[in-house]
């Protein structure tokens, strides 16, 4: 669930062309849904608590690494034609 929220936060305004206020409200809603879902997953005992907590910070870190490092290298290779 975190990955689609990261996609919306990164590309949402460009793709859907909505206002800054709508973007902020949508991200707030989606973030609150993620927190509620994490609490419910832990309460239901579907996953270990460590899995939920680790996934909640590893996913944004991997997203940040991809968008800042790997994606720029991919774009540079495509532009050069290599």
Protein backbone atom coordinates (compact mmCIF):
# COMPACT_ATOMS: atom_id res chain seq x y z
CA UNK A 1 0.00 0.00 0.00
CA UNK A 2 2.91 2.34 0.62
CA UNK A 3 4.23 2.07 -2.94
CA UNK A 4 1.02 3.35 -4.61
CA UNK A 5 0.94 6.25 -2.14
CA UNK A 6 4.54 7.07 -3.07
CA UNK A 7 3.52 6.96 -6.75
CA UNK A 8 0.63 9.36 -6.10
CA UNK A 9 2.85 11.70 -4.11
CA UNK A 10 5.54 11.73 -6.82
CA UNK A 11 3.49 11.70 -10.03
CA UNK A 12 -0.06 12.55 -8.90
CA UNK A 13 -0.14 16.26 -9.70
CA UNK A 14 1.42 15.73 -13.12
CA UNK A 15 -0.91 12.92 -14.14
CA UNK A 16 -4.24 13.96 -12.66
CA UNK A 17 -3.70 17.75 -12.83
CA UNK A 18 -5.49 18.66 -9.61
CA UNK A 19 -4.80 21.56 -7.25
CA UNK A 20 -2.19 21.69 -4.49
CA UNK A 21 -4.91 21.58 -1.86
CA UNK A 22 -6.51 18.48 -3.39
CA UNK A 23 -3.08 16.83 -3.61
CA UNK A 24 -2.37 17.55 0.06
CA UNK A 25 -5.80 16.32 1.12
CA UNK A 26 -5.43 13.12 -0.91
CA UNK A 27 -1.99 12.40 0.54
CA UNK A 28 -3.29 13.04 4.05
CA UNK A 29 -6.17 10.65 3.50
CA UNK A 30 -3.94 7.95 2.01
CA UNK A 31 -1.39 8.33 4.80
CA UNK A 32 -4.08 7.97 7.45
CA UNK A 33 -5.32 4.85 5.63
CA UNK A 34 -1.80 3.39 5.75
CA UNK A 35 -1.55 4.02 9.50
CA UNK A 36 -4.99 2.53 10.11
CA UNK A 37 -4.15 -0.49 7.97
CA UNK A 38 -0.87 -1.05 9.85
CA UNK A 39 -2.67 -0.96 13.19
CA UNK A 40 -5.34 -3.35 11.94
CA UNK A 41 -2.77 -5.76 10.51
CA UNK A 42 -0.94 -5.83 13.84
CA UNK A 43 -4.19 -6.13 15.83
CA UNK A 44 -5.43 -8.97 13.62
CA UNK A 45 -2.03 -10.68 13.97
CA UNK A 46 -1.68 -11.23 10.22
CA UNK A 47 2.01 -10.24 10.33
CA UNK A 48 4.68 -9.80 12.93
CA UNK A 49 4.97 -6.27 14.29
CA UNK A 50 8.59 -6.05 13.11
CA UNK A 51 7.51 -6.79 9.53
CA UNK A 52 4.98 -3.98 9.51
CA UNK A 53 7.35 -1.48 11.10
CA UNK A 54 10.29 -2.44 8.88
CA UNK A 55 8.14 -2.27 5.75
CA UNK A 56 6.90 1.19 6.70
CA UNK A 57 10.39 2.68 6.57
CA UNK A 58 12.19 0.41 4.10
CA UNK A 59 9.70 1.04 1.29
CA UNK A 60 10.06 4.87 1.32
CA UNK A 61 13.86 4.52 1.61
CA UNK A 62 13.96 2.25 -1.46
CA UNK A 63 11.62 4.63 -3.32
CA UNK A 64 13.89 7.58 -2.46
CA UNK A 65 16.97 5.63 -3.60
CA UNK A 66 15.30 4.66 -6.88
CA UNK A 67 14.03 8.13 -7.74
CA UNK A 68 17.23 9.96 -6.75
CA UNK A 69 19.95 7.55 -7.90
CA UNK A 70 18.84 4.73 -10.19
CA UNK A 71 16.21 6.67 -12.16
CA UNK A 72 18.70 9.45 -13.01
CA UNK A 73 21.21 6.88 -14.26
CA UNK A 74 18.53 5.20 -16.39
CA UNK A 75 17.55 8.54 -17.90
CA UNK A 76 21.19 9.40 -18.64
CA UNK A 77 21.67 6.07 -20.45
CA UNK A 78 18.48 6.57 -22.49
CA UNK A 79 19.46 10.10 -23.49
CA UNK A 80 22.95 9.04 -24.61
CA UNK A 81 21.52 6.09 -26.52
CA UNK A 82 23.71 3.49 -24.89
